[in-house]
Protein backbone atom coordinates (compact mmCIF):
# COMPACT_ATOMS: atom_id res chain seq x y z
CA MET A 1 -95.12 27.96 -25.71
CA GLY A 2 -93.01 24.59 -25.92
CA PHE A 3 -92.77 22.02 -23.36
CA ILE A 4 -89.74 23.02 -21.67
CA PRO A 5 -90.86 26.64 -21.29
CA ARG A 6 -94.23 25.31 -19.86
CA LEU A 7 -92.40 23.11 -17.34
CA VAL A 8 -90.02 25.89 -16.19
CA ALA A 9 -93.00 28.19 -15.77
CA ARG A 10 -94.89 25.46 -13.87
CA THR A 11 -91.81 24.84 -11.73
CA GLU A 12 -91.55 28.43 -10.63
CA ARG A 13 -95.27 28.71 -9.97
CA HIS A 14 -94.87 25.73 -7.46
CA ALA A 15 -91.30 26.62 -6.37
CA ALA A 16 -92.05 26.78 -2.59
CA GLY A 17 -93.70 23.40 -2.71
CA LEU A 18 -90.97 21.82 -4.70
CA ALA A 19 -88.33 23.37 -2.31
CA LEU A 20 -90.07 21.45 0.57
CA VAL A 21 -90.01 18.28 -1.46
CA ILE A 22 -86.42 18.52 -2.34
CA ALA A 23 -85.42 19.42 1.40
CA LEU A 24 -87.27 16.37 2.61
CA LEU A 25 -85.83 14.09 0.02
CA ALA A 26 -82.41 15.31 0.97
CA VAL A 27 -83.07 14.49 4.45
CA ALA A 28 -84.49 11.01 3.60
CA LEU A 29 -81.32 10.51 1.48
CA SER A 30 -78.96 11.48 4.24
CA ALA A 31 -81.03 9.29 6.75
CA ALA A 32 -81.19 6.32 4.77
CA ALA A 33 -77.17 6.66 4.08
CA THR A 34 -76.73 7.01 7.64
CA ILE A 35 -78.90 3.95 8.60
CA MET A 36 -77.06 1.80 5.94
CA ALA A 37 -73.76 2.80 7.21
CA GLY A 38 -74.38 1.43 10.72
CA ASP A 39 -73.52 2.79 14.12
CA ALA A 40 -69.69 2.10 13.96
CA PRO A 41 -67.68 5.24 14.36
CA LYS A 42 -66.51 6.71 10.90
CA SER A 43 -64.13 9.11 12.43
CA LEU A 44 -62.13 9.71 15.67
CA ASP A 45 -63.79 13.11 15.69
CA GLU A 46 -67.24 11.53 16.12
CA THR A 47 -66.27 9.75 19.46
CA ALA A 48 -64.66 12.75 20.80
CA PHE A 49 -67.62 15.14 20.21
CA GLN A 50 -70.03 12.41 21.57
CA ASP A 51 -67.89 11.91 24.80
CA ILE A 52 -67.96 15.74 25.40
CA ALA A 53 -71.59 16.06 24.57
CA ARG A 54 -72.25 13.13 27.01
CA ASN A 55 -70.33 14.80 29.84
CA LEU A 56 -72.02 18.23 29.17
CA ALA A 57 -75.49 16.60 29.12
CA PHE A 58 -75.29 14.47 32.23
CA GLU A 59 -72.35 16.11 34.30
CA GLY A 60 -72.80 19.63 33.21
CA ALA A 61 -69.03 19.86 32.40
CA PHE A 62 -67.40 20.48 28.93
CA ALA A 63 -65.06 17.61 29.65
CA ASN A 64 -63.35 14.88 27.59
CA ALA A 65 -63.65 11.13 27.88
CA GLU A 66 -61.31 11.17 30.92
CA GLY A 67 -63.49 13.65 32.56
CA GLU A 68 -60.92 16.45 32.20
CA LEU A 69 -62.21 19.97 31.62
CA THR A 70 -61.24 20.79 28.08
CA ALA A 71 -61.40 23.41 25.31
CA TYR A 72 -59.59 21.34 22.54
CA ARG A 73 -62.68 21.03 20.51
CA ALA A 74 -64.80 24.18 19.47
CA PRO A 75 -68.04 23.96 21.59
CA GLY A 76 -70.56 24.68 18.77
CA LEU A 77 -71.23 21.26 17.73
CA VAL A 78 -71.12 19.93 21.29
CA PHE A 79 -73.77 22.41 22.41
CA PHE A 80 -76.01 21.44 19.57
CA LEU A 81 -75.58 17.67 20.26
CA ALA A 82 -75.90 17.74 24.15
CA PRO A 83 -79.81 18.09 24.38
CA PHE A 84 -80.04 15.12 22.05
CA VAL A 85 -77.76 12.94 24.17
CA LYS A 86 -79.74 14.01 27.34
CA LEU A 87 -82.81 12.58 25.69
CA GLY A 88 -80.97 9.32 25.05
CA ALA A 89 -79.59 9.72 21.52
CA GLY A 90 -76.82 7.39 20.59
CA LEU A 91 -74.36 7.78 17.64
CA MET A 92 -76.93 6.81 15.03
CA GLU A 93 -79.63 9.29 16.26
CA LEU A 94 -76.94 12.10 16.61
CA ARG A 95 -75.99 11.51 12.81
CA LEU A 96 -79.71 11.76 12.04
CA THR A 97 -79.79 15.33 13.55
CA GLN A 98 -77.17 16.19 10.99
CA ALA A 99 -79.42 15.10 8.16
CA VAL A 100 -82.29 17.34 9.47
CA LEU A 101 -79.70 20.21 9.63
CA PHE A 102 -78.86 19.35 6.07
CA GLY A 103 -82.40 19.64 5.06
CA LEU A 104 -82.87 23.03 6.98
CA THR A 105 -79.65 24.52 5.26
CA LEU A 106 -81.09 23.63 1.70
CA VAL A 107 -84.24 25.67 2.79
CA LEU A 108 -82.16 28.58 3.61
CA LEU A 109 -80.26 28.38 0.61
CA TYR A 110 -83.22 28.22 -1.54
CA ASN A 111 -84.59 31.55 0.17
CA LEU A 112 -81.35 33.34 -0.10
CA PHE A 113 -80.75 32.55 -3.97
CA ARG A 114 -84.46 33.00 -4.79
CA ARG A 115 -84.16 36.52 -3.67
CA HIS A 116 -81.31 37.31 -5.91
CA GLY A 117 -81.91 34.96 -8.97
CA GLY A 118 -85.60 33.89 -8.82
CA PRO A 119 -87.39 30.56 -7.76
CA LEU A 120 -85.54 28.65 -10.47
CA ALA A 121 -82.09 29.48 -8.95
CA GLY A 122 -83.29 28.60 -5.55
CA LEU A 123 -84.50 25.27 -6.72
CA LEU A 124 -81.34 24.52 -8.62
CA ALA A 125 -79.08 25.43 -5.60
CA MET A 126 -81.01 22.86 -3.44
CA ALA A 127 -80.82 20.18 -6.21
CA MET A 128 -77.12 20.72 -6.77
CA VAL A 129 -75.78 20.59 -3.27
CA PRO A 130 -76.87 16.85 -2.59
CA LEU A 131 -74.83 15.99 -5.79
CA TRP A 132 -71.60 17.14 -4.09
CA PRO A 133 -70.59 13.99 -2.20
CA VAL A 134 -68.78 15.85 0.39
CA ALA A 135 -71.91 17.66 1.52
CA LEU A 136 -73.74 14.29 1.66
CA TYR A 137 -71.08 12.64 3.61
CA ALA A 138 -70.78 15.31 6.16
CA SER A 139 -74.40 15.20 6.68
CA THR A 140 -74.07 11.52 7.83
CA THR A 141 -71.19 12.13 10.09
CA LEU A 142 -70.51 14.00 13.33
CA TYR A 143 -68.40 16.78 11.80
CA PRO A 144 -68.88 20.60 12.67
CA GLN A 145 -69.12 21.37 8.91
CA THR A 146 -72.81 20.47 8.60
CA LEU A 147 -73.77 22.80 11.51
CA ALA A 148 -71.29 25.40 10.13
CA GLY A 149 -72.91 25.43 6.85
CA PHE A 150 -76.33 25.97 8.17
CA LEU A 151 -74.99 28.86 10.36
CA LEU A 152 -72.98 30.35 7.38
CA VAL A 153 -76.01 30.50 5.17
CA ALA A 154 -78.18 31.71 8.04
CA SER A 155 -75.66 34.45 8.57
CA VAL A 156 -75.27 35.46 4.97
CA SER A 157 -79.13 35.47 4.75
CA LEU A 158 -79.46 37.83 7.78
CA LEU A 159 -76.67 40.19 6.44
CA ASP A 160 -78.35 40.32 3.10
CA ARG A 161 -81.55 41.37 4.77
CA MET A 162 -79.64 44.19 6.57
CA ARG A 163 -78.30 45.45 3.42
CA ASP A 164 -81.86 45.88 2.09
CA ALA A 165 -83.36 47.55 5.16
CA VAL A 166 -82.11 49.03 8.44
CA SER A 167 -83.20 46.56 11.06
CA LEU A 168 -81.61 46.33 14.62
CA TRP A 169 -83.51 42.99 15.15
CA SER A 170 -81.77 41.45 12.10
CA ALA A 171 -78.53 42.89 13.22
CA LEU A 172 -79.05 41.38 16.71
CA LEU A 173 -79.96 37.97 15.26
CA ALA A 174 -77.07 38.12 12.79
CA GLY A 175 -74.68 38.80 15.84
CA LEU A 176 -75.87 35.76 17.61
CA VAL A 177 -75.66 33.56 14.63
CA ILE A 178 -72.25 34.68 13.68
CA GLY A 179 -71.15 34.20 17.31
CA ALA A 180 -72.42 30.68 16.98
CA LEU A 181 -70.73 30.10 13.71
CA VAL A 182 -67.33 31.16 15.38
CA LEU A 183 -67.88 28.90 18.29
CA THR A 184 -68.49 25.97 15.58
CA LEU A 185 -65.76 27.08 13.16
CA PRO A 186 -63.30 29.35 14.82
CA ILE A 187 -61.54 30.27 11.51
CA THR A 188 -64.57 32.47 10.78
CA LEU A 189 -63.07 34.86 13.50
CA LEU A 190 -60.65 35.86 10.55
CA LEU A 191 -63.45 36.45 8.09
CA PHE A 192 -65.29 39.11 10.09
CA PRO A 193 -63.93 41.96 7.89
CA VAL A 194 -65.54 40.19 4.80
CA PHE A 195 -68.85 39.83 6.63
CA LEU A 196 -68.99 43.40 7.87
CA GLY A 197 -67.27 45.00 4.95
CA TRP A 198 -70.01 43.45 2.57
CA VAL A 199 -72.73 45.12 4.67
CA ALA A 200 -70.92 48.38 5.50
CA LEU A 201 -70.23 49.12 1.87
CA ARG A 202 -73.91 49.43 1.17
CA GLY A 203 -74.03 52.90 2.93
CA SER A 204 -73.15 54.82 6.09
CA ARG A 205 -76.42 53.87 7.61
CA ARG A 206 -75.29 50.18 7.87
CA VAL A 207 -72.20 51.01 10.16
CA ALA A 208 -74.35 51.25 13.25
CA GLN A 209 -75.74 47.69 12.24
CA CYS A 210 -72.26 46.42 11.79
CA VAL A 211 -71.25 47.57 15.18
CA LEU A 212 -74.14 45.98 16.73
CA VAL A 213 -73.35 42.70 14.93
CA LEU A 214 -69.84 43.02 16.11
CA VAL A 215 -70.66 43.75 19.68
CA VAL A 216 -73.26 40.88 19.93
CA SER A 217 -70.85 38.33 18.31
CA ALA A 218 -67.99 39.35 20.82
CA LEU A 219 -70.43 38.79 23.76
CA VAL A 220 -71.39 35.30 22.43
CA VAL A 221 -67.70 34.20 21.88
CA GLY A 222 -66.33 36.31 24.85
CA SER A 223 -68.73 34.22 27.14
CA TRP A 224 -66.96 31.08 26.06
CA THR A 225 -63.56 32.78 26.36
CA TYR A 226 -64.58 33.69 29.89
CA ARG A 227 -65.30 30.02 30.62
CA ASN A 228 -62.07 28.93 29.30
CA HIS A 229 -60.35 31.46 31.52
CA LYS A 230 -62.11 30.01 34.40
CA ALA A 231 -61.76 26.48 33.66
CA LEU A 232 -58.24 26.34 32.29
CA ASP A 233 -56.78 29.54 33.81
CA ALA A 234 -55.63 30.74 30.54
CA PHE A 235 -56.75 33.03 27.77
CA VAL A 236 -58.31 30.71 25.12
CA PRO A 237 -60.57 32.48 22.66
CA VAL A 238 -62.28 29.47 21.34
CA ALA A 239 -60.23 26.18 21.25
CA THR A 240 -56.86 24.93 22.50
CA SER A 241 -56.23 23.01 19.25
CA SER A 242 -54.92 26.06 17.21
CA GLY A 243 -51.46 25.65 18.25
CA TYR A 244 -51.26 22.09 17.42
CA ASN A 245 -52.98 22.61 14.03
CA LEU A 246 -50.54 25.52 13.21
CA LEU A 247 -47.67 23.20 13.93
CA LEU A 248 -49.25 20.37 12.02
CA GLY A 249 -49.36 22.55 8.89
CA ASN A 250 -45.92 24.04 9.34
CA ALA A 251 -43.76 21.27 10.82
CA PRO A 252 -40.45 20.49 9.11
CA ASN A 253 -41.99 17.61 7.25
CA ALA A 254 -45.42 19.04 6.65
CA ARG A 255 -46.59 18.73 3.10
CA TYR A 256 -49.31 20.76 1.33
CA ASP A 257 -51.71 17.95 0.73
CA THR A 258 -52.06 16.17 4.17
CA SER A 259 -51.80 16.45 7.81
CA THR A 260 -51.13 12.87 8.50
CA GLU A 261 -47.83 11.16 9.39
CA ILE A 262 -46.38 14.38 10.49
CA ARG A 263 -43.69 14.22 13.11
CA PHE A 264 -42.82 17.15 15.20
CA PRO A 265 -39.26 18.29 16.33
CA GLU A 266 -38.01 16.31 19.18
CA TYR A 267 -37.83 19.21 21.55
CA VAL A 268 -41.51 19.70 21.16
CA TYR A 269 -42.21 16.44 22.82
CA THR A 270 -39.79 17.10 25.53
CA GLU A 271 -41.52 20.48 26.34
CA LEU A 272 -44.89 18.91 26.33
CA THR A 273 -44.17 16.60 29.38
CA GLY A 274 -46.21 17.60 32.43
CA LYS A 275 -47.98 20.43 30.78
CA THR A 276 -51.71 21.25 30.97
CA GLU A 277 -53.91 21.45 27.97
CA ALA A 278 -53.49 25.27 27.60
CA GLU A 279 -49.80 25.02 28.14
CA ARG A 280 -49.50 22.61 25.40
CA ASN A 281 -51.30 24.80 23.05
CA LYS A 282 -48.54 27.58 23.90
CA VAL A 283 -45.83 24.94 23.22
CA PHE A 284 -47.38 24.11 19.97
CA THR A 285 -47.66 27.80 18.94
CA LYS A 286 -44.33 28.62 19.93
CA ALA A 287 -42.65 25.83 18.06
CA ALA A 288 -44.75 26.67 14.96
CA LEU A 289 -43.77 30.23 14.96
CA ASP A 290 -40.23 29.18 15.36
CA GLU A 291 -40.30 26.79 12.49
CA ILE A 292 -41.93 29.62 10.35
CA ALA A 293 -39.14 32.11 11.43
CA LYS A 294 -36.30 29.55 10.78
CA ASP A 295 -37.22 29.23 7.15
CA PRO A 296 -39.62 32.15 5.84
CA GLN A 297 -39.00 31.11 2.25
CA ARG A 298 -40.25 27.51 2.90
CA PHE A 299 -43.26 28.81 4.74
CA VAL A 300 -44.28 31.05 1.91
CA THR A 301 -43.91 28.24 -0.64
CA LEU A 302 -45.84 25.82 1.65
CA TYR A 303 -48.46 28.35 2.30
CA ALA A 304 -49.11 28.89 -1.33
CA ALA A 305 -49.28 25.25 -2.09
CA LYS A 306 -51.78 24.81 0.77
CA PHE A 307 -54.01 27.57 -0.57
CA LEU A 308 -53.90 26.05 -3.97
CA HIS A 309 -54.90 22.80 -2.31
CA TRP A 310 -57.86 24.39 -0.77
CA PHE A 311 -59.50 24.19 -4.28
CA ASP A 312 -58.87 20.53 -4.80
CA TYR A 313 -61.51 18.00 -5.24
CA SER A 314 -60.13 15.32 -2.81
CA ASN A 315 -57.38 14.88 -0.18
CA LYS A 316 -56.00 11.96 1.81
CA LEU A 317 -58.28 11.10 4.60
CA VAL A 318 -57.16 10.32 8.18
CA SER A 319 -60.00 7.98 8.81
CA ASP A 320 -58.91 5.51 5.91
CA GLN A 321 -55.51 5.03 7.93
CA VAL A 322 -56.85 4.59 11.46
CA GLU A 323 -56.96 0.85 12.39
CA GLU A 324 -59.57 1.42 14.95
CA LEU A 325 -61.99 2.35 12.15
CA GLU A 326 -63.06 -0.84 10.38
CA HIS A 327 -64.09 0.55 7.18
CA GLY A 328 -62.11 3.82 7.20
CA ALA A 329 -63.90 6.92 6.26
CA SER A 330 -66.59 4.87 4.21
CA GLY A 331 -67.02 1.55 2.74
CA VAL A 332 -66.78 2.80 -0.99
CA ASP A 333 -63.57 1.78 -2.85
CA VAL A 334 -61.06 4.60 -2.73
CA SER A 335 -60.57 4.60 -6.53
CA LEU A 336 -64.39 4.94 -7.31
CA ARG A 337 -64.85 7.60 -4.61
CA GLU A 338 -62.12 9.74 -6.15
CA LEU A 339 -63.69 9.38 -9.57
CA VAL A 340 -67.01 10.50 -8.28
CA LEU A 341 -65.64 13.33 -6.34
CA LEU A 342 -63.71 14.55 -9.48
CA VAL A 343 -66.70 14.24 -11.87
CA THR A 344 -69.14 16.07 -9.43
CA TYR A 345 -66.72 18.64 -8.48
CA LEU A 346 -66.30 19.68 -12.30
CA LEU A 347 -69.95 19.54 -12.77
CA VAL A 348 -71.33 21.14 -9.67
CA ILE A 349 -68.58 23.55 -8.65
CA VAL A 350 -65.72 24.29 -10.94
CA GLY A 351 -67.36 23.95 -14.27
CA PRO A 352 -70.30 26.37 -13.70
CA LEU A 353 -67.94 28.76 -11.77
CA ALA A 354 -65.51 28.95 -14.61
CA LEU A 355 -68.19 29.62 -17.20
CA ARG A 356 -69.53 32.47 -14.94
CA LEU A 357 -66.19 34.08 -14.59
CA LEU A 358 -65.67 33.96 -18.22
CA MET A 359 -68.81 36.04 -18.64
CA LEU A 360 -67.62 38.75 -16.12
CA ARG A 361 -67.25 41.52 -18.81
CA ARG A 362 -70.67 40.78 -20.25
CA VAL A 363 -72.41 40.22 -17.01
CA PRO A 364 -70.72 41.73 -14.05
CA LEU A 365 -70.88 40.12 -10.63
CA LYS A 366 -73.87 40.78 -8.31
CA ASP A 367 -73.34 41.46 -4.65
CA ILE A 368 -74.23 37.99 -3.42
CA GLU A 369 -71.64 36.50 -5.93
CA VAL A 370 -68.93 38.87 -4.75
CA LEU A 371 -69.60 37.86 -1.08
CA ALA A 372 -69.64 34.13 -2.06
CA LEU A 373 -66.35 34.42 -3.96
CA CYS A 374 -64.75 36.44 -1.20
CA LEU A 375 -65.56 34.16 1.50
CA TRP A 376 -64.36 31.26 -0.58
CA VAL A 377 -61.04 32.74 -1.10
CA ALA A 378 -60.59 34.34 2.21
CA ALA A 379 -61.42 31.06 4.08
CA GLY A 380 -58.72 29.36 1.82
CA LEU A 381 -56.18 32.11 2.73
CA ALA A 382 -57.15 31.70 6.56
CA TYR A 383 -56.91 27.77 6.49
CA ALA A 384 -53.68 27.82 4.56
CA LEU A 385 -51.98 29.30 7.66
CA PHE A 386 -52.76 25.87 9.17
CA PHE A 387 -53.61 23.15 6.55
CA THR A 388 -56.47 22.77 4.00
CA ARG A 389 -58.82 20.07 3.44
CA VAL A 390 -61.86 19.56 1.18
CA ARG A 391 -64.11 18.99 4.23
CA PHE A 392 -63.10 22.30 5.55
CA ARG A 393 -64.22 24.14 2.50
CA LEU A 394 -67.75 22.69 2.50
CA PRO A 395 -69.73 25.53 4.19
CA PHE A 396 -68.26 27.87 1.78
CA ASP A 397 -68.82 25.61 -1.03
CA LEU A 398 -72.56 25.89 -0.44
CA LEU A 399 -72.42 29.69 -1.36
CA ILE A 400 -70.58 28.82 -4.43
CA ILE A 401 -73.04 26.10 -5.54
CA GLY A 402 -75.97 28.83 -4.81
CA MET A 403 -73.95 31.27 -7.03
CA ASN A 404 -73.59 28.61 -9.87
CA ALA A 405 -77.32 27.79 -9.44
CA MET A 406 -78.21 31.52 -10.02
CA PHE A 407 -76.03 31.81 -13.06
CA LEU A 408 -77.30 28.59 -14.57
CA ALA A 409 -80.91 29.66 -14.08
CA ALA A 410 -80.17 32.82 -15.83
CA LEU A 411 -78.34 30.99 -18.61
CA LEU A 412 -81.26 28.66 -19.20
CA ARG A 413 -83.51 31.62 -19.66
CA GLN A 414 -81.43 32.91 -22.44
CA LEU A 415 -80.87 29.61 -24.15
CA ILE A 416 -84.32 28.16 -24.22
CA PRO A 417 -86.78 29.90 -26.74
CA GLY A 418 -89.97 30.92 -25.08
CA VAL A 419 -88.64 31.15 -21.60
CA LYS A 420 -89.08 34.82 -20.24
CA ARG A 421 -85.48 36.33 -20.05
CA ARG A 422 -84.56 37.65 -16.65
CA SER A 423 -81.04 39.15 -15.72
CA LEU A 424 -79.00 37.83 -12.67
CA ALA A 425 -80.49 41.04 -10.88
CA ARG A 426 -82.76 40.33 -7.90
CA GLU A 427 -86.34 40.30 -8.82
């Protein structure tokens, strides 16, 4: 047996220990980047989430910086941050919690794809994720995508176990986690058919589990909807930002590749005067639907372009254009950042995925690959109703990277003489 086969065999024997090392290194890398960046805000979202978390921690109210009860931000990340704020965490310490979440997500990803592609696939997934700069950047910033990535991979892992064996406990836990995912990333409300369909197609015995998942998730989300009704005297399932985002992506001067520099029709600003937060959401929603109805052909064309932009490697960053943010989104030169994003996107996501799809006739997709692709595409279709950004795609990129890792592990076994061949099937 040659050196490489021996190395692969030894790697797989010590996979669990190596997975822990990779996770710790990823946390250390993210933490180091966080500390080096300092404690200046990198995004207006950061200060908004921090303000609400502070009010929730010390005043017991989900309120904005002005002390007004709000539902503009989805509550998932705020609920996560509030206990740390209560303990005295500032912006730097809150960012470090995202680094830890990042490491935990990698561990979940390892276990998920180890089950389907073996230890090498799990390790490759862990190693490839930090190579995608968007994942690393999100882990150093107070964005909901890092928490959403953790909850998404956890949800898929639990649903995957439900497919293997009937378990009410797994279904109960999956319902709780998916409910938390919706409260962190409301767009996943539109992805329920993908989640439940993937489980239900396994057989009729899984239907009861799917019903339990749906009921528990509905209870989790419904409790927040009830809070919104009591606090805002309006029906708001998760957040009042949906109308604003819908108009932002469909305004007369909206473009497929940006949500910045958008000017709404003048009548919108007039109707907003004196309105409450929930009422403003209705104004935005009605205006967006009116604009769509006014020119359906433009809506279809713009929708298609936004969906294609979902698969882009980069987009214009609002943070780069905000004067209050001294260094914009980051201190890295924009041209260099774009080049790094392009190269890593080709190497980590698009390249391996294209090769995998080219081999469909020889090696059909496995169940986990089908789910990863369906969620990746379905999320793009959902976000294109509003607008698409690379950061929004991040939680779903994690599953695609895991799928790519599984493919590359199987390919490695076939190409290197002396390495025992295994198919992409679960061991």
